[in-house]
Amino acid sequence: MFQEKQKVVCISDAFPCTHDTGDGTQIGKTPIIRPIVGRTYVIDEILGEYIRFEELDCNDPNAPEYGYKWWHQSRFVLYKMENTEMAISMKVENSVFAKQN
């Protein structure tokens, strides 16, 4: 679907996320630092259905967030200006819906 170095836009922050510190203790936990709906990211690496953005990885081995973070491709679309505007609109609609319920 995607290729490395392509720009993508986050369209959903409900992630089936895989986060690993290397020792396996963080697998399945949603990281504090994660993609934001409507924001554009550059793909650094692809592993099956998951993509990684270097800017969201933590390189500090002493931090609890240390390690690579892999994000499911279904939560992103290829970058185009109209996709960015659509994602921002979806975030506003979702927040209004959440407040009503």
Protein backbone atom coordinates (compact mmCIF):
# COMPACT_ATOMS: atom_id res chain seq x y z
CA MET A 1 0.00 0.00 0.00
CA PHE A 2 2.62 2.55 1.08
CA GLN A 3 6.33 2.94 0.39
CA GLU A 4 9.19 4.21 2.52
CA LYS A 5 9.73 7.99 2.36
CA GLN A 6 6.12 8.67 1.34
CA LYS A 7 4.13 11.28 3.22
CA VAL A 8 0.98 10.06 4.96
CA VAL A 9 -1.74 11.73 7.03
CA CYS A 10 -3.11 10.24 10.25
CA ILE A 11 -6.89 9.79 9.95
CA SER A 12 -7.60 7.91 13.21
CA ASP A 13 -5.90 7.77 16.58
CA ALA A 14 -7.57 4.49 17.61
CA PHE A 15 -4.47 2.38 17.04
CA PRO A 16 -3.82 -1.31 17.22
CA CYS A 17 -0.27 -0.37 18.20
CA THR A 18 2.79 -2.49 18.72
CA HIS A 19 5.34 -0.82 20.97
CA ASP A 20 8.42 -2.72 22.00
CA THR A 21 11.36 -1.74 24.16
CA GLY A 22 13.37 -4.70 22.95
CA ASP A 23 12.64 -6.75 26.05
CA GLY A 24 8.96 -7.26 25.21
CA THR A 25 7.60 -5.49 28.28
CA GLN A 26 5.76 -2.77 26.35
CA ILE A 27 4.15 -4.86 23.58
CA GLY A 28 0.50 -3.93 23.12
CA LYS A 29 0.66 -0.76 25.21
CA THR A 30 -0.26 2.51 23.53
CA PRO A 31 2.70 4.90 23.74
CA ILE A 32 2.33 8.38 25.19
CA ILE A 33 3.87 9.82 22.02
CA ARG A 34 1.71 8.76 19.08
CA PRO A 35 0.43 10.07 15.75
CA ILE A 36 -2.05 12.95 15.84
CA VAL A 37 -5.11 13.05 13.58
CA GLY A 38 -4.58 15.46 10.69
CA ARG A 39 -0.80 15.55 11.02
CA THR A 40 1.53 14.54 8.18
CA TYR A 41 4.31 11.99 8.73
CA VAL A 42 7.08 10.54 6.55
CA ILE A 43 7.33 6.73 6.54
CA ASP A 44 10.78 5.56 7.60
CA GLU A 45 10.20 1.82 7.56
CA ILE A 46 7.51 -0.72 6.67
CA LEU A 47 7.02 -4.13 8.25
CA GLY A 48 4.03 -5.98 6.80
CA GLU A 49 0.91 -3.98 7.69
CA TYR A 50 2.80 -1.71 10.08
CA ILE A 51 4.71 1.49 9.44
CA ARG A 52 7.24 3.36 11.54
CA PHE A 53 8.01 7.06 11.80
CA GLU A 54 11.44 7.89 13.20
CA GLU A 55 10.15 11.14 14.69
CA LEU A 56 7.85 9.14 17.02
CA ASP A 57 10.51 6.66 18.20
CA CYS A 58 12.29 7.20 21.49
CA ASN A 59 16.08 6.79 21.39
CA ASP A 60 16.68 7.35 25.11
CA PRO A 61 17.32 3.88 26.65
CA ASN A 62 16.46 5.24 30.12
CA ALA A 63 12.99 6.46 29.10
CA PRO A 64 9.92 4.24 29.56
CA GLU A 65 8.98 5.04 25.95
CA TYR A 66 12.31 3.72 24.61
CA GLY A 67 12.16 1.81 21.34
CA TYR A 68 10.52 1.70 17.94
CA LYS A 69 6.80 2.23 17.57
CA TRP A 70 4.89 0.54 14.78
CA TRP A 71 1.53 1.87 13.60
CA HIS A 72 -1.10 0.02 11.59
CA GLN A 73 -1.35 1.33 8.01
CA SER A 74 -5.17 1.45 8.12
CA ARG A 75 -4.98 4.62 10.26
CA PHE A 76 -3.23 6.61 7.51
CA VAL A 77 -3.87 7.83 3.98
CA LEU A 78 -1.43 9.04 1.37
CA TYR A 79 -0.75 12.75 1.77
CA LYS A 80 -2.83 15.14 -0.30
CA MET A 81 -4.08 18.52 0.86
CA GLU A 82 -7.73 17.36 0.82
CA ASN A 83 -6.86 14.34 3.02
CA THR A 84 -5.36 16.64 5.66
CA GLU A 85 -8.50 18.78 5.68
CA MET A 86 -10.70 15.64 5.86
CA ALA A 87 -8.76 14.27 8.83
CA ILE A 88 -9.09 17.53 10.74
CA SER A 89 -12.82 17.57 10.01
CA MET A 90 -13.16 13.96 11.23
CA LYS A 91 -11.37 14.82 14.49
CA VAL A 92 -13.78 17.72 15.16
CA GLU A 93 -16.82 15.53 14.39
CA ASN A 94 -15.52 12.73 16.66
CA SER A 95 -14.91 15.11 19.57
CA VAL A 96 -18.44 16.59 19.21
CA PHE A 97 -19.93 13.06 19.13
CA ALA A 98 -17.96 12.04 22.24
CA LYS A 99 -19.22 15.09 24.17
CA GLN A 100 -22.82 14.25 23.25
CA ASN A 101 -22.52 10.68 24.55
